[in-house]
């Protein structure tokens, strides 16, 4: 499962790099040629997407390394470290674009209408929609935060480029100020997406507990073993997209050491079958 997960993430990263480089060149040349603030913002967004896809590729490569003596539980948290890099880059890009768009709105816009701007927007929307659908399919298969970051980014780009298209059409009728408004809207959206990814990555790196739904499933599994007298504690720590679960249970003190540990092993094996559980460690106490 993990091997397939890393292969799918690698595909998403490489495809994102290739497509976004293509879009960056188109939007950058056309945007600067006709002074479209929204198109320039869109081009910078593509540059950020290239960085995000590169971080996806590198982060996935590190995260796919098996556990070793120095990293007993593998390198899964690399996914979240590199997602953190992606989010920070998005926030910085958003701040720069917001500043430029506000300046253009206050000082005036020299946008020149061209059908090439509309063609660039159409190509971008089609490309990004295809990328969104593909990464959404991959995310459903492997639940990787790096793919999720790319998926959300592709979805956002479809919406943002649509508004870029609207601003360019309006410029044909002499409404120039809307181009700067769209540039501001794009920068705010990029910043918001960056912050949400940052918080998700931060929570995992700060060892957030497993979600309540999975915790309830684990409790149901333990309660299905009739010899368990009491559950003293259950805690967890994330290792990438999965969790290590620590549980203390109480058993009949008259059980032999062999029987009590055999029961603990059975519970561990059952819990380990859950998709987001990396390893379960059970401590047994007599009662």
Protein backbone atom coordinates (compact mmCIF):
# COMPACT_ATOMS: atom_id res chain seq x y z
CA UNK A 1 0.00 0.00 0.00
CA UNK A 2 2.73 2.49 0.98
CA UNK A 3 4.77 1.69 -2.14
CA UNK A 4 1.77 2.40 -4.38
CA UNK A 5 1.06 5.56 -2.37
CA UNK A 6 4.54 6.92 -3.00
CA UNK A 7 4.40 6.04 -6.72
CA UNK A 8 1.09 7.89 -7.15
CA UNK A 9 2.45 10.94 -5.31
CA UNK A 10 5.54 10.95 -7.53
CA UNK A 11 3.31 10.94 -10.63
CA UNK A 12 1.28 13.86 -9.28
CA UNK A 13 4.42 15.87 -8.55
CA UNK A 14 6.04 15.31 -11.96
CA UNK A 15 2.83 16.00 -13.86
CA UNK A 16 2.30 19.19 -11.87
CA UNK A 17 5.81 20.45 -12.65
CA UNK A 18 5.47 19.86 -16.41
CA UNK A 19 1.99 21.37 -16.78
CA UNK A 20 2.67 24.39 -14.56
CA UNK A 21 5.90 25.23 -16.39
CA UNK A 22 3.90 25.26 -19.62
CA UNK A 23 1.24 27.54 -18.08
CA UNK A 24 3.82 29.82 -16.44
CA UNK A 25 5.47 30.55 -19.79
CA UNK A 26 2.16 31.27 -21.55
CA UNK A 27 0.64 33.41 -18.79
CA UNK A 28 3.89 35.24 -18.00
CA UNK A 29 4.62 36.31 -21.58
CA UNK A 30 1.02 37.29 -22.40
CA UNK A 31 0.32 38.90 -19.00
CA UNK A 32 3.35 41.22 -19.10
CA UNK A 33 2.89 41.94 -22.81
CA UNK A 34 -0.62 43.32 -22.26
CA UNK A 35 -0.20 44.62 -18.64
CA UNK A 36 -2.92 42.39 -17.17
CA UNK A 37 -2.54 42.45 -13.38
CA UNK A 38 -4.82 39.44 -12.97
CA UNK A 39 -2.90 37.45 -15.60
CA UNK A 40 0.45 38.40 -14.02
CA UNK A 41 -0.92 37.27 -10.64
CA UNK A 42 -2.04 34.04 -12.29
CA UNK A 43 1.48 33.58 -13.73
CA UNK A 44 3.06 34.03 -10.28
CA UNK A 45 0.54 31.53 -8.97
CA UNK A 46 1.80 29.04 -11.58
CA UNK A 47 5.36 29.70 -10.41
CA UNK A 48 4.21 28.86 -6.90
CA UNK A 49 2.56 25.72 -8.25
CA UNK A 50 5.87 24.61 -9.77
CA UNK A 51 7.52 25.03 -6.38
CA UNK A 52 4.65 23.12 -4.72
CA UNK A 53 4.96 20.26 -7.23
CA UNK A 54 8.73 20.19 -6.73
CA UNK A 55 8.26 20.03 -2.96
CA UNK A 56 5.74 17.23 -3.50
CA UNK A 57 8.28 15.27 -5.52
CA UNK A 58 11.16 15.79 -3.06
CA UNK A 59 9.03 15.31 0.06
CA UNK A 60 7.54 12.11 -1.32
CA UNK A 61 11.00 10.78 -2.17
CA UNK A 62 12.21 11.31 1.40
CA UNK A 63 8.98 10.04 2.97
CA UNK A 64 9.18 6.83 0.92
CA UNK A 65 12.51 5.84 2.53
CA UNK A 66 12.06 2.82 4.84
CA UNK A 67 12.67 2.95 8.58
CA UNK A 68 16.27 2.58 9.77
CA UNK A 69 18.29 2.67 12.99
CA UNK A 70 18.12 6.47 13.18
CA UNK A 71 14.46 6.72 12.11
CA UNK A 72 12.70 3.76 13.70
CA UNK A 73 9.26 4.73 12.45
CA UNK A 74 10.26 5.74 8.94
CA UNK A 75 10.36 9.19 7.31
CA UNK A 76 6.63 9.81 6.86
CA UNK A 77 6.67 13.25 8.49
CA UNK A 78 8.69 14.55 5.53
CA UNK A 79 5.32 14.90 3.77
CA UNK A 80 4.25 17.46 6.34
CA UNK A 81 7.57 19.28 6.49
CA UNK A 82 7.48 19.86 2.74
CA UNK A 83 3.78 20.76 2.86
CA UNK A 84 4.84 23.40 5.37
CA UNK A 85 7.33 24.76 2.81
CA UNK A 86 4.55 24.85 0.20
CA UNK A 87 2.21 26.77 2.51
CA UNK A 88 4.86 29.35 3.48
CA UNK A 89 5.73 29.97 -0.19
CA UNK A 90 2.03 30.46 -0.98
CA UNK A 91 1.66 33.02 1.81
CA UNK A 92 4.69 35.02 0.61
CA UNK A 93 3.45 34.97 -3.01
CA UNK A 94 -0.01 36.08 -1.84
CA UNK A 95 1.46 39.04 0.08
CA UNK A 96 3.48 40.22 -2.95
CA UNK A 97 0.53 39.87 -5.33
CA UNK A 98 -1.79 41.69 -2.93
CA UNK A 99 0.62 44.63 -2.70
CA UNK A 100 1.01 44.87 -6.50
CA UNK A 101 -2.74 44.58 -7.15
CA UNK A 102 -3.63 47.27 -4.59
CA UNK A 103 -1.00 49.63 -6.06
CA UNK A 104 -2.43 49.06 -9.55
CA UNK A 105 -5.97 49.69 -8.31
CA UNK A 106 -4.95 53.00 -6.68
CA UNK A 107 -2.57 54.25 -9.37
CA UNK A 108 -4.41 53.01 -12.45
CA UNK A 109 -4.21 50.02 -14.78
CA UNK A 110 -2.64 50.00 -18.26
CA UNK A 111 -4.32 46.77 -19.32
CA UNK A 112 -4.51 46.25 -23.09
CA UNK A 113 -7.22 43.88 -24.28
CA UNK A 114 -6.13 40.97 -26.46
CA UNK A 115 -7.75 37.73 -27.57
CA UNK A 116 -4.48 36.04 -26.58
CA UNK A 117 -5.37 36.76 -22.94
CA UNK A 118 -8.66 34.91 -23.37
CA UNK A 119 -6.94 31.98 -25.11
CA UNK A 120 -4.38 31.76 -22.27
CA UNK A 121 -7.19 31.69 -19.69
CA UNK A 122 -9.09 28.99 -21.57
CA UNK A 123 -6.00 26.78 -21.88
CA UNK A 124 -5.26 27.26 -18.17
CA UNK A 125 -8.79 26.37 -17.04
CA UNK A 126 -8.89 23.19 -19.16
CA UNK A 127 -5.41 22.10 -18.03
CA UNK A 128 -6.08 22.79 -14.36
CA UNK A 129 -9.47 21.10 -14.42
CA UNK A 130 -7.86 17.93 -15.81
CA UNK A 131 -5.12 18.10 -13.18
CA UNK A 132 -7.69 18.61 -10.40
CA UNK A 133 -9.75 15.60 -11.47
CA UNK A 134 -6.64 13.43 -11.74
CA UNK A 135 -5.17 14.45 -8.36
CA UNK A 136 -8.60 14.06 -6.73
CA UNK A 137 -8.66 10.47 -8.03
CA UNK A 138 -5.14 9.90 -6.64
CA UNK A 139 -5.99 11.45 -3.28
CA UNK A 140 -9.00 9.18 -2.84
CA UNK A 141 -6.67 6.22 -3.37
CA UNK A 142 -3.84 7.16 -1.00
CA UNK A 143 -4.88 10.10 1.28
CA UNK A 144 -1.52 11.87 0.95
CA UNK A 145 -1.39 15.48 2.23
CA UNK A 146 1.06 16.41 -0.54
CA UNK A 147 -1.42 15.28 -3.18
CA UNK A 148 -4.22 17.00 -1.27
CA UNK A 149 -2.24 20.26 -1.33
CA UNK A 150 -1.79 19.96 -5.10
CA UNK A 151 -5.44 18.97 -5.60
CA UNK A 152 -6.71 22.04 -3.73
CA UNK A 153 -4.28 24.22 -5.64
CA UNK A 154 -5.50 22.94 -9.03
CA UNK A 155 -9.12 23.49 -7.95
CA UNK A 156 -8.37 27.01 -6.78
CA UNK A 157 -6.59 27.80 -10.05
CA UNK A 158 -9.67 26.84 -12.08
CA UNK A 159 -11.80 29.29 -10.09
CA UNK A 160 -9.20 32.07 -10.04
CA UNK A 161 -8.46 31.85 -13.76
CA UNK A 162 -12.19 32.00 -14.46
CA UNK A 163 -12.32 35.37 -12.69
CA UNK A 164 -9.21 36.42 -14.62
CA UNK A 165 -11.13 35.58 -17.79
CA UNK A 166 -14.09 37.68 -16.60
CA UNK A 167 -11.83 40.67 -15.87
CA UNK A 168 -10.27 40.46 -19.33
CA UNK A 169 -13.69 40.29 -21.02
CA UNK A 170 -14.78 43.36 -19.01
CA UNK A 171 -11.66 45.22 -20.14
CA UNK A 172 -12.93 44.84 -23.71
CA UNK A 173 -15.82 47.10 -22.65
CA UNK A 174 -13.49 49.58 -20.95
CA UNK A 175 -13.93 48.31 -17.37
CA UNK A 176 -10.27 48.21 -16.29
CA UNK A 177 -10.55 48.39 -12.49
CA UNK A 178 -12.03 44.88 -12.20
CA UNK A 179 -8.68 43.42 -13.35
CA UNK A 180 -7.01 44.78 -10.21
CA UNK A 181 -9.91 43.55 -8.04
CA UNK A 182 -9.43 40.04 -9.43
CA UNK A 183 -5.69 40.31 -8.72
CA UNK A 184 -6.53 41.17 -5.10
CA UNK A 185 -9.02 38.30 -4.89
CA UNK A 186 -6.47 35.82 -6.27
CA UNK A 187 -3.84 36.92 -3.75
CA UNK A 188 -6.28 36.56 -0.84
CA UNK A 189 -7.35 33.09 -1.99
CA UNK A 190 -3.73 31.94 -2.37
CA UNK A 191 -2.98 33.24 1.13
CA UNK A 192 -6.02 31.52 2.65
CA UNK A 193 -5.12 28.18 1.04
CA UNK A 194 -1.54 28.55 2.26
CA UNK A 195 -2.70 29.16 5.83
CA UNK A 196 -5.02 26.12 5.85
CA UNK A 197 -2.21 23.84 4.59
CA UNK A 198 0.19 25.38 7.12
CA UNK A 199 -2.19 24.63 10.02
CA UNK A 200 -2.76 21.04 8.87
CA UNK A 201 1.00 20.43 8.56
CA UNK A 202 1.68 22.16 11.88
CA UNK A 203 -0.85 19.98 13.70
CA UNK A 204 0.81 16.76 12.53
CA UNK A 205 4.34 18.02 13.25
CA UNK A 206 3.13 18.96 16.74
CA UNK A 207 1.85 15.38 17.22
CA UNK A 208 -1.90 15.93 17.01
CA UNK A 209 -3.96 12.98 18.25
CA UNK A 210 -5.77 10.57 15.98
CA UNK A 211 -9.28 11.63 14.89
CA UNK A 212 -12.28 10.70 17.04
CA UNK A 213 -13.79 8.40 14.42
CA UNK A 214 -10.68 6.20 14.27
CA UNK A 215 -10.35 6.31 18.06
CA UNK A 216 -13.92 5.01 18.39
CA UNK A 217 -13.12 2.19 15.93
CA UNK A 218 -10.10 1.24 18.04
CA UNK A 219 -12.18 1.23 21.22
CA UNK A 220 -14.80 -0.96 19.55
CA UNK A 221 -12.09 -3.42 18.52
CA UNK A 222 -10.72 -3.60 22.06
CA UNK A 223 -14.19 -4.05 23.56
CA UNK A 224 -14.81 -6.94 21.17
CA UNK A 225 -12.22 -8.94 23.13
CA UNK A 226 -14.21 -10.12 26.15
CA UNK A 227 -11.15 -10.78 28.32
CA UNK A 228 -10.29 -7.07 28.43
CA UNK A 229 -11.50 -5.86 31.84
CA UNK A 230 -10.67 -2.18 31.46
CA UNK A 231 -9.01 0.30 29.10
CA UNK A 232 -6.74 2.51 31.19
CA UNK A 233 -5.46 4.83 28.47
CA UNK A 234 -5.19 5.30 24.72
CA UNK A 235 -2.87 7.82 23.07
CA UNK A 236 -1.36 8.32 19.64
CA UNK A 237 1.34 10.12 17.69
CA UNK A 238 1.47 10.70 13.93
CA UNK A 239 4.23 9.34 11.68
CA UNK A 240 3.36 10.85 8.34
CA UNK A 241 -0.18 9.99 7.28
CA UNK A 242 -0.42 7.15 9.82
CA UNK A 243 -0.36 6.90 13.60
CA UNK A 244 1.35 4.90 16.31
CA UNK A 245 -1.22 3.88 18.92
CA UNK A 246 -0.30 3.35 22.59
CA UNK A 247 -2.84 1.50 24.72
CA UNK A 248 -2.88 0.27 28.32
CA UNK A 249 -5.40 -2.45 29.13
CA UNK A 250 -6.25 -4.41 32.27
CA UNK A 251 -6.70 -8.21 32.17
CA UNK A 252 -7.53 -10.86 34.72
CA UNK A 253 -4.48 -11.23 36.95
CA UNK A 254 -4.95 -14.99 36.95
CA UNK A 255 -4.15 -15.22 33.23
CA UNK A 256 -0.73 -16.64 32.44
CA UNK A 257 1.90 -14.30 31.00
CA UNK A 258 1.71 -16.22 27.72
CA UNK A 259 -2.09 -15.88 27.47
CA UNK A 260 -2.16 -12.18 28.34
CA UNK A 261 0.53 -11.33 25.79
CA UNK A 262 -1.10 -13.54 23.18
CA UNK A 263 -4.33 -11.58 23.66
CA UNK A 264 -2.46 -8.26 23.41
CA UNK A 265 -0.84 -9.41 20.17
CA UNK A 266 -4.23 -10.33 18.71
CA UNK A 267 -5.62 -6.89 19.56
CA UNK A 268 -2.55 -5.19 18.04
CA UNK A 269 -2.84 -7.18 14.80
CA UNK A 270 -6.53 -6.28 14.46
CA UNK A 271 -5.99 -2.55 15.07
CA UNK A 272 -3.01 -2.51 12.68
CA UNK A 273 -5.38 -3.42 9.84
CA UNK A 274 -6.86 0.10 9.97
CA UNK A 275 -5.57 2.20 7.07
CA UNK A 276 -4.23 5.09 9.13
CA UNK A 277 -2.58 2.98 11.85
CA UNK A 278 1.17 2.41 11.42
CA UNK A 279 1.77 0.38 14.59
CA UNK A 280 -0.05 -0.49 17.80
CA UNK A 281 1.73 -0.96 21.13
CA UNK A 282 -0.29 -2.46 24.01
CA UNK A 283 0.79 -2.52 27.63
CA UNK A 284 -0.92 -5.11 29.86
CA UNK A 285 -1.72 -4.63 33.55
CA UNK A 286 -3.27 -7.28 35.87
CA UNK A 287 -6.51 -6.64 37.72
